[in-house]
Amino acid sequence: MAWDTEGTQRKILDAALAEFTEHGPTGTTIERIASQAGVNKERIYHYFGNREALFARVVRDESVRLTDNVLFDPDVDDPMGTYAGRIFDYHLSRPQMVRLLLWDSLSSGGGATDGITQEHYDEKSERFARAQAAGAVTDALEPGELVFAIMALNAWWFAVPRVAELASGHGVDEAGIAARREAVVKAARLLARRDPA
């Protein structure tokens, strides 16, 4: 019987995502990933290298998944509000990315993973630059600064949900989540306005 390389790699990556999300890159062991994936740990080393390389791969895969699922479209009626709302929805349904980035920053002292590339963010900034040139969003911030601001508007609600509730009064029940999302959309619209008041 032929070895299912692709299927084995997928099992490893799924197990690694769950472990790294829960325990971070330093609290996760290759042994636990192997056990959860149902593979010999030598397979992990063979396919992905060491734990740090596997963590970088998981972060990169999640970054690509987010980017592929949530593209900024400057041609819609409400480009920044729509984009911010879609990012919120994505993080709500798939909170792993925020946790992975927090773990990465905590373990590396500033986010030194090879999982996310400059090219990844250059592509996002270029889309924002086109929207600025077309007059769809403010040019008061550099495109990369605007990208980061929209990311931060969303991520912090998921990074510190208890602080978010204390500050805003919006809990994590259905009504609270809807209010959080609306706050993100409104803030993004205000941030992107050409003539901030």
N, C-alpha and C. Protein backbone atom coordinates (compact mmCIF):
# COMPACT_ATOMS: atom_id res chain seq x y z
N MET A 1 0.85 -1.19 0.00
CA MET A 1 0.00 0.00 0.00
C MET A 1 0.89 1.25 0.00
N ALA A 2 0.59 2.20 -0.87
CA ALA A 2 1.39 3.43 -0.97
C ALA A 2 1.13 4.33 0.23
N TRP A 3 2.18 5.03 0.65
CA TRP A 3 2.08 5.95 1.78
C TRP A 3 1.35 7.22 1.35
N ASP A 4 0.37 7.65 2.11
CA ASP A 4 -0.39 8.85 1.80
C ASP A 4 0.34 10.07 2.38
N THR A 5 1.32 10.55 1.65
CA THR A 5 2.15 11.66 2.13
C THR A 5 1.32 12.90 2.39
N GLU A 6 0.48 13.28 1.45
CA GLU A 6 -0.32 14.49 1.60
C GLU A 6 -1.28 14.39 2.78
N GLY A 7 -1.93 13.24 2.92
CA GLY A 7 -2.85 13.04 4.03
C GLY A 7 -2.14 13.07 5.38
N THR A 8 -0.95 12.48 5.43
CA THR A 8 -0.17 12.49 6.66
C THR A 8 0.27 13.90 7.02
N GLN A 9 0.72 14.63 6.03
CA GLN A 9 1.12 16.02 6.30
C GLN A 9 -0.06 16.85 6.79
N ARG A 10 -1.23 16.63 6.21
CA ARG A 10 -2.42 17.36 6.65
C ARG A 10 -2.76 17.02 8.10
N LYS A 11 -2.70 15.74 8.47
CA LYS A 11 -2.95 15.36 9.85
C LYS A 11 -1.96 16.03 10.80
N ILE A 12 -0.71 16.07 10.41
CA ILE A 12 0.33 16.71 11.24
C ILE A 12 0.04 18.20 11.38
N LEU A 13 -0.27 18.86 10.28
CA LEU A 13 -0.54 20.30 10.32
C LEU A 13 -1.79 20.61 11.15
N ASP A 14 -2.82 19.80 11.03
CA ASP A 14 -4.03 20.01 11.83
C ASP A 14 -3.74 19.84 13.31
N ALA A 15 -2.99 18.80 13.65
CA ALA A 15 -2.62 18.57 15.05
C ALA A 15 -1.72 19.69 15.56
N ALA A 16 -0.78 20.13 14.72
CA ALA A 16 0.12 21.21 15.12
C ALA A 16 -0.64 22.50 15.34
N LEU A 17 -1.61 22.80 14.48
CA LEU A 17 -2.42 24.00 14.67
C LEU A 17 -3.13 23.97 16.02
N ALA A 18 -3.74 22.85 16.34
CA ALA A 18 -4.46 22.73 17.62
C ALA A 18 -3.49 22.88 18.80
N GLU A 19 -2.35 22.24 18.74
CA GLU A 19 -1.38 22.28 19.84
C GLU A 19 -0.76 23.66 19.99
N PHE A 20 -0.33 24.25 18.87
CA PHE A 20 0.32 25.56 18.94
C PHE A 20 -0.68 26.64 19.38
N THR A 21 -1.91 26.53 18.94
CA THR A 21 -2.93 27.50 19.36
C THR A 21 -3.15 27.43 20.87
N GLU A 22 -3.16 26.22 21.40
CA GLU A 22 -3.41 26.03 22.83
C GLU A 22 -2.18 26.30 23.70
N HIS A 23 -1.01 25.85 23.25
CA HIS A 23 0.17 25.86 24.13
C HIS A 23 1.32 26.75 23.65
N GLY A 24 1.22 27.30 22.45
CA GLY A 24 2.30 28.13 21.93
C GLY A 24 3.47 27.31 21.43
N PRO A 25 4.43 27.96 20.79
CA PRO A 25 5.56 27.22 20.21
C PRO A 25 6.50 26.62 21.24
N THR A 26 6.61 27.21 22.42
CA THR A 26 7.52 26.65 23.42
C THR A 26 6.82 25.65 24.33
N GLY A 27 5.52 25.71 24.44
CA GLY A 27 4.79 24.78 25.30
C GLY A 27 4.30 23.54 24.57
N THR A 28 4.50 23.50 23.28
CA THR A 28 4.07 22.38 22.45
C THR A 28 5.23 21.42 22.26
N THR A 29 4.93 20.13 22.25
CA THR A 29 5.99 19.14 21.99
C THR A 29 5.68 18.39 20.70
N ILE A 30 6.73 17.98 20.05
CA ILE A 30 6.59 17.16 18.84
C ILE A 30 5.90 15.85 19.20
N GLU A 31 6.17 15.33 20.39
CA GLU A 31 5.55 14.08 20.83
C GLU A 31 4.02 14.21 20.89
N ARG A 32 3.54 15.33 21.43
CA ARG A 32 2.08 15.53 21.52
C ARG A 32 1.46 15.69 20.13
N ILE A 33 2.15 16.42 19.27
CA ILE A 33 1.64 16.58 17.90
C ILE A 33 1.56 15.22 17.23
N ALA A 34 2.62 14.43 17.36
CA ALA A 34 2.65 13.11 16.74
C ALA A 34 1.53 12.23 17.28
N SER A 35 1.32 12.27 18.58
CA SER A 35 0.27 11.46 19.19
C SER A 35 -1.11 11.88 18.67
N GLN A 36 -1.35 13.17 18.63
CA GLN A 36 -2.65 13.66 18.16
C GLN A 36 -2.87 13.35 16.69
N ALA A 37 -1.79 13.40 15.89
CA ALA A 37 -1.90 13.13 14.46
C ALA A 37 -1.91 11.64 14.15
N GLY A 38 -1.50 10.82 15.14
CA GLY A 38 -1.45 9.39 14.92
C GLY A 38 -0.30 8.97 14.02
N VAL A 39 0.83 9.69 14.15
CA VAL A 39 2.01 9.38 13.33
C VAL A 39 3.23 9.26 14.22
N ASN A 40 4.28 8.68 13.67
CA ASN A 40 5.57 8.62 14.35
C ASN A 40 6.20 10.00 14.29
N LYS A 41 6.82 10.45 15.39
CA LYS A 41 7.38 11.81 15.41
C LYS A 41 8.47 12.01 14.36
N GLU A 42 9.10 10.91 13.93
CA GLU A 42 10.12 11.03 12.88
C GLU A 42 9.51 11.55 11.57
N ARG A 43 8.24 11.25 11.36
CA ARG A 43 7.55 11.77 10.16
C ARG A 43 7.49 13.30 10.21
N ILE A 44 7.25 13.84 11.38
CA ILE A 44 7.18 15.30 11.53
C ILE A 44 8.52 15.93 11.21
N TYR A 45 9.58 15.37 11.77
CA TYR A 45 10.92 15.90 11.48
C TYR A 45 11.24 15.78 9.99
N HIS A 46 10.84 14.66 9.41
CA HIS A 46 11.13 14.43 7.99
C HIS A 46 10.41 15.45 7.09
N TYR A 47 9.14 15.70 7.38
CA TYR A 47 8.35 16.58 6.53
C TYR A 47 8.55 18.07 6.84
N PHE A 48 8.73 18.40 8.11
CA PHE A 48 8.68 19.81 8.50
C PHE A 48 9.91 20.33 9.24
N GLY A 49 10.84 19.46 9.57
CA GLY A 49 12.01 19.91 10.32
C GLY A 49 11.70 19.97 11.80
N ASN A 50 12.25 20.95 12.48
CA ASN A 50 12.08 21.04 13.93
C ASN A 50 10.77 21.75 14.31
N ARG A 51 10.55 21.88 15.60
CA ARG A 51 9.32 22.49 16.11
C ARG A 51 9.16 23.93 15.64
N GLU A 52 10.25 24.70 15.63
CA GLU A 52 10.19 26.10 15.20
C GLU A 52 9.79 26.22 13.73
N ALA A 53 10.34 25.34 12.90
CA ALA A 53 9.98 25.36 11.48
C ALA A 53 8.52 24.96 11.28
N LEU A 54 8.05 24.01 12.06
CA LEU A 54 6.65 23.60 11.96
C LEU A 54 5.73 24.73 12.41
N PHE A 55 6.10 25.42 13.49
CA PHE A 55 5.31 26.56 13.95
C PHE A 55 5.23 27.63 12.85
N ALA A 56 6.36 27.95 12.24
CA ALA A 56 6.38 28.94 11.16
C ALA A 56 5.47 28.52 10.02
N ARG A 57 5.47 27.24 9.70
CA ARG A 57 4.61 26.73 8.62
C ARG A 57 3.14 26.89 8.98
N VAL A 58 2.79 26.58 10.23
CA VAL A 58 1.40 26.71 10.67
C VAL A 58 0.96 28.17 10.61
N VAL A 59 1.82 29.08 11.08
CA VAL A 59 1.48 30.51 11.04
C VAL A 59 1.30 30.95 9.59
N ARG A 60 2.21 30.54 8.72
CA ARG A 60 2.10 30.92 7.31
C ARG A 60 0.81 30.40 6.69
N ASP A 61 0.49 29.14 6.96
CA ASP A 61 -0.74 28.56 6.41
C ASP A 61 -1.98 29.31 6.88
N GLU A 62 -2.02 29.66 8.17
CA GLU A 62 -3.17 30.40 8.69
C GLU A 62 -3.24 31.81 8.11
N SER A 63 -2.09 32.44 7.90
CA SER A 63 -2.05 33.78 7.30
C SER A 63 -2.59 33.74 5.88
N VAL A 64 -2.17 32.74 5.13
CA VAL A 64 -2.64 32.59 3.75
C VAL A 64 -4.14 32.31 3.75
N ARG A 65 -4.60 31.48 4.67
CA ARG A 65 -6.03 31.16 4.75
C ARG A 65 -6.84 32.43 5.00
N LEU A 66 -6.38 33.26 5.93
CA LEU A 66 -7.08 34.52 6.23
C LEU A 66 -7.09 35.42 5.00
N THR A 67 -5.93 35.60 4.39
CA THR A 67 -5.83 36.48 3.23
C THR A 67 -6.69 35.98 2.08
N ASP A 68 -6.68 34.68 1.85
CA ASP A 68 -7.48 34.11 0.76
C ASP A 68 -8.98 34.25 1.00
N ASN A 69 -9.38 34.26 2.27
CA ASN A 69 -10.80 34.32 2.59
C ASN A 69 -11.33 35.73 2.79
N VAL A 70 -10.42 36.68 3.08
CA VAL A 70 -10.85 38.06 3.37
C VAL A 70 -9.96 39.03 2.60
N LEU A 71 -10.37 39.36 1.40
CA LEU A 71 -9.64 40.33 0.59
C LEU A 71 -10.28 41.70 0.70
N PHE A 72 -9.45 42.72 0.76
CA PHE A 72 -9.94 44.10 0.75
C PHE A 72 -10.35 44.45 -0.67
N ASP A 73 -11.60 44.87 -0.84
CA ASP A 73 -12.12 45.24 -2.16
C ASP A 73 -12.46 46.73 -2.15
N PRO A 74 -11.61 47.56 -2.76
CA PRO A 74 -11.86 49.00 -2.74
C PRO A 74 -13.05 49.44 -3.59
N ASP A 75 -13.62 48.53 -4.37
CA ASP A 75 -14.70 48.90 -5.27
C ASP A 75 -16.09 48.74 -4.69
N VAL A 76 -16.22 48.17 -3.49
CA VAL A 76 -17.55 48.05 -2.89
C VAL A 76 -17.96 49.40 -2.30
N ASP A 77 -19.24 49.55 -1.99
CA ASP A 77 -19.76 50.83 -1.49
C ASP A 77 -19.11 51.27 -0.19
N ASP A 78 -18.85 50.35 0.69
CA ASP A 78 -18.28 50.66 2.01
C ASP A 78 -17.02 49.80 2.18
N PRO A 79 -15.93 50.14 1.49
CA PRO A 79 -14.78 49.22 1.46
C PRO A 79 -14.19 48.92 2.82
N MET A 80 -13.98 49.94 3.64
CA MET A 80 -13.31 49.68 4.91
C MET A 80 -14.25 49.03 5.92
N GLY A 81 -15.49 49.47 5.98
CA GLY A 81 -16.44 48.83 6.89
C GLY A 81 -16.68 47.38 6.52
N THR A 82 -16.84 47.12 5.23
CA THR A 82 -17.05 45.75 4.76
C THR A 82 -15.85 44.88 5.10
N TYR A 83 -14.65 45.39 4.83
CA TYR A 83 -13.43 44.63 5.09
C TYR A 83 -13.26 44.35 6.58
N ALA A 84 -13.44 45.37 7.40
CA ALA A 84 -13.29 45.19 8.84
C ALA A 84 -14.31 44.19 9.38
N GLY A 85 -15.54 44.27 8.91
CA GLY A 85 -16.57 43.33 9.35
C GLY A 85 -16.26 41.91 8.94
N ARG A 86 -15.71 41.74 7.74
CA ARG A 86 -15.36 40.40 7.27
C ARG A 86 -14.19 39.83 8.07
N ILE A 87 -13.23 40.67 8.44
CA ILE A 87 -12.12 40.20 9.29
C ILE A 87 -12.67 39.76 10.64
N PHE A 88 -13.56 40.55 11.20
CA PHE A 88 -14.17 40.20 12.49
C PHE A 88 -14.86 38.84 12.39
N ASP A 89 -15.66 38.67 11.35
CA ASP A 89 -16.38 37.41 11.16
C ASP A 89 -15.42 36.24 11.03
N TYR A 90 -14.33 36.46 10.32
CA TYR A 90 -13.35 35.40 10.14
C TYR A 90 -12.73 35.00 11.48
N HIS A 91 -12.29 35.99 12.26
CA HIS A 91 -11.69 35.69 13.56
C HIS A 91 -12.70 35.04 14.51
N LEU A 92 -13.94 35.43 14.40
CA LEU A 92 -14.98 34.83 15.23
C LEU A 92 -15.13 33.34 14.92
N SER A 93 -15.09 33.00 13.65
CA SER A 93 -15.27 31.60 13.25
C SER A 93 -13.98 30.80 13.34
N ARG A 94 -12.84 31.51 13.30
CA ARG A 94 -11.54 30.83 13.29
C ARG A 94 -10.55 31.66 14.10
N PRO A 95 -10.58 31.55 15.42
CA PRO A 95 -9.77 32.42 16.28
C PRO A 95 -8.29 32.05 16.38
N GLN A 96 -7.86 31.01 15.69
CA GLN A 96 -6.49 30.53 15.84
C GLN A 96 -5.44 31.57 15.46
N MET A 97 -5.69 32.35 14.43
CA MET A 97 -4.66 33.28 13.94
C MET A 97 -4.24 34.28 15.01
N VAL A 98 -5.18 34.87 15.70
CA VAL A 98 -4.84 35.85 16.73
C VAL A 98 -4.01 35.19 17.82
N ARG A 99 -4.42 34.01 18.25
CA ARG A 99 -3.66 33.31 19.28
C ARG A 99 -2.26 32.95 18.81
N LEU A 100 -2.13 32.50 17.58
CA LEU A 100 -0.80 32.15 17.05
C LEU A 100 0.12 33.37 17.04
N LEU A 101 -0.42 34.51 16.63
CA LEU A 101 0.41 35.73 16.58
C LEU A 101 0.80 36.18 17.98
N LEU A 102 -0.11 36.05 18.94
CA LEU A 102 0.23 36.39 20.31
C LEU A 102 1.31 35.46 20.85
N TRP A 103 1.15 34.17 20.63
CA TRP A 103 2.17 33.22 21.06
C TRP A 103 3.51 33.52 20.41
N ASP A 104 3.49 33.83 19.13
CA ASP A 104 4.72 34.12 18.41
C ASP A 104 5.44 35.31 19.03
N SER A 105 4.69 36.37 19.31
CA SER A 105 5.31 37.55 19.90
C SER A 105 5.83 37.28 21.30
N LEU A 106 5.09 36.51 22.08
CA LEU A 106 5.53 36.19 23.44
C LEU A 106 6.78 35.33 23.44
N SER A 107 6.85 34.39 22.52
CA SER A 107 7.98 33.45 22.55
C SER A 107 9.23 33.99 21.86
N SER A 108 9.04 34.91 20.92
CA SER A 108 10.22 35.42 20.20
C SER A 108 10.62 36.82 20.64
N GLY A 109 9.82 37.44 21.49
CA GLY A 109 10.14 38.78 21.95
C GLY A 109 9.77 39.86 20.96
N GLY A 110 9.06 39.52 19.92
CA GLY A 110 8.66 40.56 18.99
C GLY A 110 8.12 40.03 17.68
N GLY A 111 8.01 38.75 17.57
CA GLY A 111 7.42 38.21 16.35
C GLY A 111 8.45 37.95 15.28
N ALA A 112 9.34 37.00 15.51
CA ALA A 112 10.42 36.75 14.56
C ALA A 112 10.16 35.54 13.68
N THR A 113 8.93 35.06 13.65
CA THR A 113 8.66 33.86 12.88
C THR A 113 8.90 34.07 11.39
N ASP A 114 9.29 33.00 10.73
CA ASP A 114 9.42 33.03 9.28
C ASP A 114 8.10 32.72 8.61
N GLY A 115 7.04 32.57 9.41
CA GLY A 115 5.76 32.16 8.87
C GLY A 115 5.07 33.21 8.03
N ILE A 116 5.31 34.48 8.32
CA ILE A 116 4.66 35.56 7.57
C ILE A 116 5.75 36.36 6.88
N THR A 117 5.57 36.60 5.60
CA THR A 117 6.62 37.27 4.84
C THR A 117 6.27 38.73 4.56
N GLN A 118 7.30 39.49 4.22
CA GLN A 118 7.08 40.87 3.83
C GLN A 118 6.17 40.95 2.61
N GLU A 119 6.32 40.01 1.71
CA GLU A 119 5.48 39.98 0.51
C GLU A 119 4.00 39.89 0.87
N HIS A 120 3.72 39.12 1.91
CA HIS A 120 2.34 38.96 2.37
C HIS A 120 1.72 40.32 2.71
N TYR A 121 2.46 41.15 3.43
CA TYR A 121 1.93 42.45 3.83
C TYR A 121 2.07 43.50 2.73
N ASP A 122 3.05 43.36 1.87
CA ASP A 122 3.17 44.27 0.73
C ASP A 122 1.93 44.17 -0.17
N GLU A 123 1.43 42.95 -0.34
CA GLU A 123 0.23 42.76 -1.16
C GLU A 123 -0.98 43.47 -0.54
N LYS A 124 -1.12 43.35 0.78
CA LYS A 124 -2.23 44.03 1.45
C LYS A 124 -2.08 45.54 1.32
N SER A 125 -0.87 46.04 1.56
CA SER A 125 -0.63 47.48 1.48
C SER A 125 -0.89 48.02 0.09
N GLU A 126 -0.55 47.24 -0.92
CA GLU A 126 -0.78 47.67 -2.30
C GLU A 126 -2.27 47.85 -2.59
N ARG A 127 -3.09 46.98 -2.08
CA ARG A 127 -4.54 47.12 -2.26
C ARG A 127 -5.05 48.41 -1.59
N PHE A 128 -4.52 48.68 -0.39
CA PHE A 128 -4.91 49.90 0.30
C PHE A 128 -4.41 51.13 -0.44
N ALA A 129 -3.20 51.06 -0.99
CA ALA A 129 -2.64 52.19 -1.74
C ALA A 129 -3.51 52.50 -2.96
N ARG A 130 -4.00 51.47 -3.63
CA ARG A 130 -4.88 51.69 -4.78
C ARG A 130 -6.17 52.37 -4.36
N ALA A 131 -6.71 51.95 -3.21
CA ALA A 131 -7.94 52.58 -2.70
C ALA A 131 -7.68 54.04 -2.33
N GLN A 132 -6.52 54.32 -1.78
CA GLN A 132 -6.17 55.70 -1.45
C GLN A 132 -6.04 56.54 -2.72
N ALA A 133 -5.38 56.00 -3.72
CA ALA A 133 -5.20 56.73 -4.98
C ALA A 133 -6.53 57.00 -5.67
N ALA A 134 -7.49 56.10 -5.49
CA ALA A 134 -8.81 56.27 -6.09
C ALA A 134 -9.71 57.16 -5.24
N GLY A 135 -9.24 57.55 -4.06
CA GLY A 135 -10.03 58.41 -3.20
C GLY A 135 -11.06 57.67 -2.37
N ALA A 136 -10.97 56.34 -2.31
CA ALA A 136 -11.96 55.55 -1.57
C ALA A 136 -11.72 55.59 -0.06
N VAL A 137 -10.46 55.76 0.36
CA VAL A 137 -10.12 55.81 1.79
C VAL A 137 -9.06 56.89 2.01
N THR A 138 -8.89 57.27 3.25
CA THR A 138 -7.97 58.33 3.60
C THR A 138 -6.53 58.03 3.18
N ASP A 139 -5.81 59.08 2.87
CA ASP A 139 -4.37 58.93 2.65
C ASP A 139 -3.59 59.62 3.77
N ALA A 140 -4.29 59.90 4.89
CA ALA A 140 -3.63 60.52 6.04
C ALA A 140 -2.64 59.56 6.71
N LEU A 141 -2.85 58.26 6.50
CA LEU A 141 -1.92 57.24 6.98
C LEU A 141 -1.28 56.57 5.77
N GLU A 142 -0.07 56.10 5.95
CA GLU A 142 0.56 55.28 4.91
C GLU A 142 -0.26 54.00 4.76
N PRO A 143 -0.24 53.38 3.57
CA PRO A 143 -1.06 52.17 3.38
C PRO A 143 -0.79 51.08 4.41
N GLY A 144 0.48 50.83 4.71
CA GLY A 144 0.81 49.80 5.71
C GLY A 144 0.32 50.14 7.10
N GLU A 145 0.34 51.42 7.43
CA GLU A 145 -0.19 51.85 8.73
C GLU A 145 -1.69 51.63 8.81
N LEU A 146 -2.36 51.89 7.70
CA LEU A 146 -3.81 51.68 7.66
C LEU A 146 -4.14 50.19 7.75
N VAL A 147 -3.39 49.37 7.04
CA VAL A 147 -3.57 47.92 7.13
C VAL A 147 -3.45 47.48 8.59
N PHE A 148 -2.38 47.93 9.24
CA PHE A 148 -2.13 47.51 10.62
C PHE A 148 -3.23 48.02 11.55
N ALA A 149 -3.69 49.23 11.34
CA ALA A 149 -4.75 49.79 12.19
C ALA A 149 -6.03 48.96 12.10
N ILE A 150 -6.39 48.54 10.90
CA ILE A 150 -7.61 47.73 10.73
C ILE A 150 -7.42 46.36 11.36
N MET A 151 -6.21 45.80 11.20
CA MET A 151 -5.92 44.51 11.84
C MET A 151 -6.05 44.64 13.36
N ALA A 152 -5.48 45.71 13.92
CA ALA A 152 -5.50 45.90 15.37
C ALA A 152 -6.92 46.13 15.88
N LEU A 153 -7.73 46.88 15.13
CA LEU A 153 -9.12 47.10 15.52
C LEU A 153 -9.84 45.77 15.77
N ASN A 154 -9.56 44.82 14.93
CA ASN A 154 -10.20 43.52 15.04
C ASN A 154 -9.56 42.63 16.08
N ALA A 155 -8.27 42.49 16.00
CA ALA A 155 -7.57 41.46 16.78
C ALA A 155 -7.72 41.65 18.28
N TRP A 156 -7.73 42.89 18.73
CA TRP A 156 -7.72 43.10 20.17
C TRP A 156 -9.01 42.63 20.84
N TRP A 157 -10.13 42.66 20.12
CA TRP A 157 -11.37 42.14 20.66
C TRP A 157 -11.24 40.65 20.98
N PHE A 158 -10.44 39.93 20.17
CA PHE A 158 -10.26 38.49 20.35
C PHE A 158 -9.08 38.16 21.24
N ALA A 159 -8.11 39.05 21.29
CA ALA A 159 -6.92 38.82 22.11
C ALA A 159 -7.22 39.00 23.59
N VAL A 160 -8.05 39.98 23.93
CA VAL A 160 -8.35 40.27 25.34
C VAL A 160 -9.87 40.44 25.51
N PRO A 161 -10.62 39.36 25.35
CA PRO A 161 -12.09 39.48 25.38
C PRO A 161 -12.64 40.00 26.70
N ARG A 162 -12.00 39.66 27.80
CA ARG A 162 -12.50 40.14 29.10
C ARG A 162 -12.29 41.64 29.25
N VAL A 163 -11.12 42.12 28.85
CA VAL A 163 -10.87 43.56 28.89
C VAL A 163 -11.83 44.28 27.95
N ALA A 164 -12.09 43.68 26.79
CA ALA A 164 -13.04 44.26 25.85
C ALA A 164 -14.42 44.41 26.48
N GLU A 165 -14.83 43.39 27.24
CA GLU A 165 -16.13 43.46 27.91
C GLU A 165 -16.13 44.53 28.99
N LEU A 166 -15.06 44.59 29.77
CA LEU A 166 -14.99 45.59 30.84
C LEU A 166 -15.00 47.01 30.27
N ALA A 167 -14.29 47.21 29.17
CA ALA A 167 -14.19 48.55 28.59
C ALA A 167 -15.46 48.96 27.86
N SER A 168 -16.06 48.03 27.13
CA SER A 168 -17.19 48.38 26.25
C SER A 168 -18.55 48.01 26.81
N GLY A 169 -18.58 47.06 27.73
CA GLY A 169 -19.86 46.55 28.21
C GLY A 169 -20.45 45.49 27.30
N HIS A 170 -19.77 45.17 26.21
CA HIS A 170 -20.27 44.17 25.26
C HIS A 170 -19.71 42.80 25.64
N GLY A 171 -20.60 41.90 26.03
CA GLY A 171 -20.18 40.56 26.42
C GLY A 171 -19.94 39.67 25.23
N VAL A 172 -19.91 38.38 25.51
CA VAL A 172 -19.64 37.42 24.44
C VAL A 172 -20.90 36.61 24.08
N ASP A 173 -22.07 37.10 24.52
CA ASP A 173 -23.31 36.51 24.06
C ASP A 173 -23.60 37.03 22.65
N GLU A 174 -24.67 36.57 22.06
CA GLU A 174 -24.98 36.94 20.67
C GLU A 174 -25.09 38.45 20.48
N ALA A 175 -25.80 39.12 21.40
CA ALA A 175 -25.96 40.57 21.29
C ALA A 175 -24.63 41.28 21.49
N GLY A 176 -23.82 40.80 22.42
CA GLY A 176 -22.53 41.41 22.66
C GLY A 176 -21.59 41.28 21.48
N ILE A 177 -21.59 40.10 20.86
CA ILE A 177 -20.74 39.89 19.68
C ILE A 177 -21.18 40.80 18.54
N ALA A 178 -22.49 40.95 18.34
CA ALA A 178 -23.01 41.84 17.31
C ALA A 178 -22.58 43.28 17.58
N ALA A 179 -22.63 43.69 18.85
CA ALA A 179 -22.22 45.05 19.20
C ALA A 179 -20.72 45.25 19.00
N ARG A 180 -19.93 44.24 19.31
CA ARG A 180 -18.49 44.32 19.08
C ARG A 180 -18.19 44.48 17.59
N ARG A 181 -18.88 43.68 16.79
CA ARG A 181 -18.66 43.75 15.34
C ARG A 181 -19.02 45.13 14.82
N GLU A 182 -20.17 45.65 15.26
CA GLU A 182 -20.61 46.97 14.81
C GLU A 182 -19.61 48.05 15.23
N ALA A 183 -19.04 47.92 16.42
CA ALA A 183 -18.04 48.88 16.88
C ALA A 183 -16.80 48.85 15.98
N VAL A 184 -16.39 47.66 15.58
CA VAL A 184 -15.24 47.51 14.68
C VAL A 184 -15.54 48.16 13.33
N VAL A 185 -16.71 47.89 12.79
CA VAL A 185 -17.08 48.45 11.48
C VAL A 185 -17.14 49.97 11.54
N LYS A 186 -17.77 50.52 12.58
CA LYS A 186 -17.86 51.98 12.72
C LYS A 186 -16.48 52.61 12.87
N ALA A 187 -15.64 52.00 13.69
CA ALA A 187 -14.30 52.54 13.89
C ALA A 187 -13.49 52.50 12.60
N ALA A 188 -13.62 51.43 11.84
CA ALA A 188 -12.91 51.31 10.57
C ALA A 188 -13.38 52.39 9.58
N ARG A 189 -14.68 52.61 9.53
CA ARG A 189 -15.21 53.66 8.66
C ARG A 189 -14.66 55.02 9.05
N LEU A 190 -14.65 55.31 10.34
CA LEU A 190 -14.13 56.60 10.80
C LEU A 190 -12.64 56.73 10.49
N LEU A 191 -11.92 55.67 10.70
CA LEU A 191 -10.48 55.68 10.44
C LEU A 191 -10.17 55.90 8.97
N ALA A 192 -11.02 55.37 8.10
CA ALA A 192 -10.77 55.43 6.66
C ALA A 192 -11.32 56.68 5.99
N ARG A 193 -12.08 57.49 6.73
CA ARG A 193 -12.69 58.67 6.11
C ARG A 193 -11.65 59.62 5.54
N ARG A 194 -11.97 60.18 4.40
CA ARG A 194 -11.06 61.12 3.74
C ARG A 194 -10.96 62.41 4.52
N ASP A 195 -12.02 62.79 5.20
CA ASP A 195 -12.05 64.07 5.92
C ASP A 195 -12.43 63.85 7.37
N PRO A 196 -11.52 63.21 8.17
CA PRO A 196 -11.88 62.94 9.56
C PRO A 196 -12.29 64.20 10.29
N ALA A 197 -13.40 64.10 11.03
CA ALA A 197 -13.92 65.28 11.73
C ALA A 197 -13.42 65.28 13.17
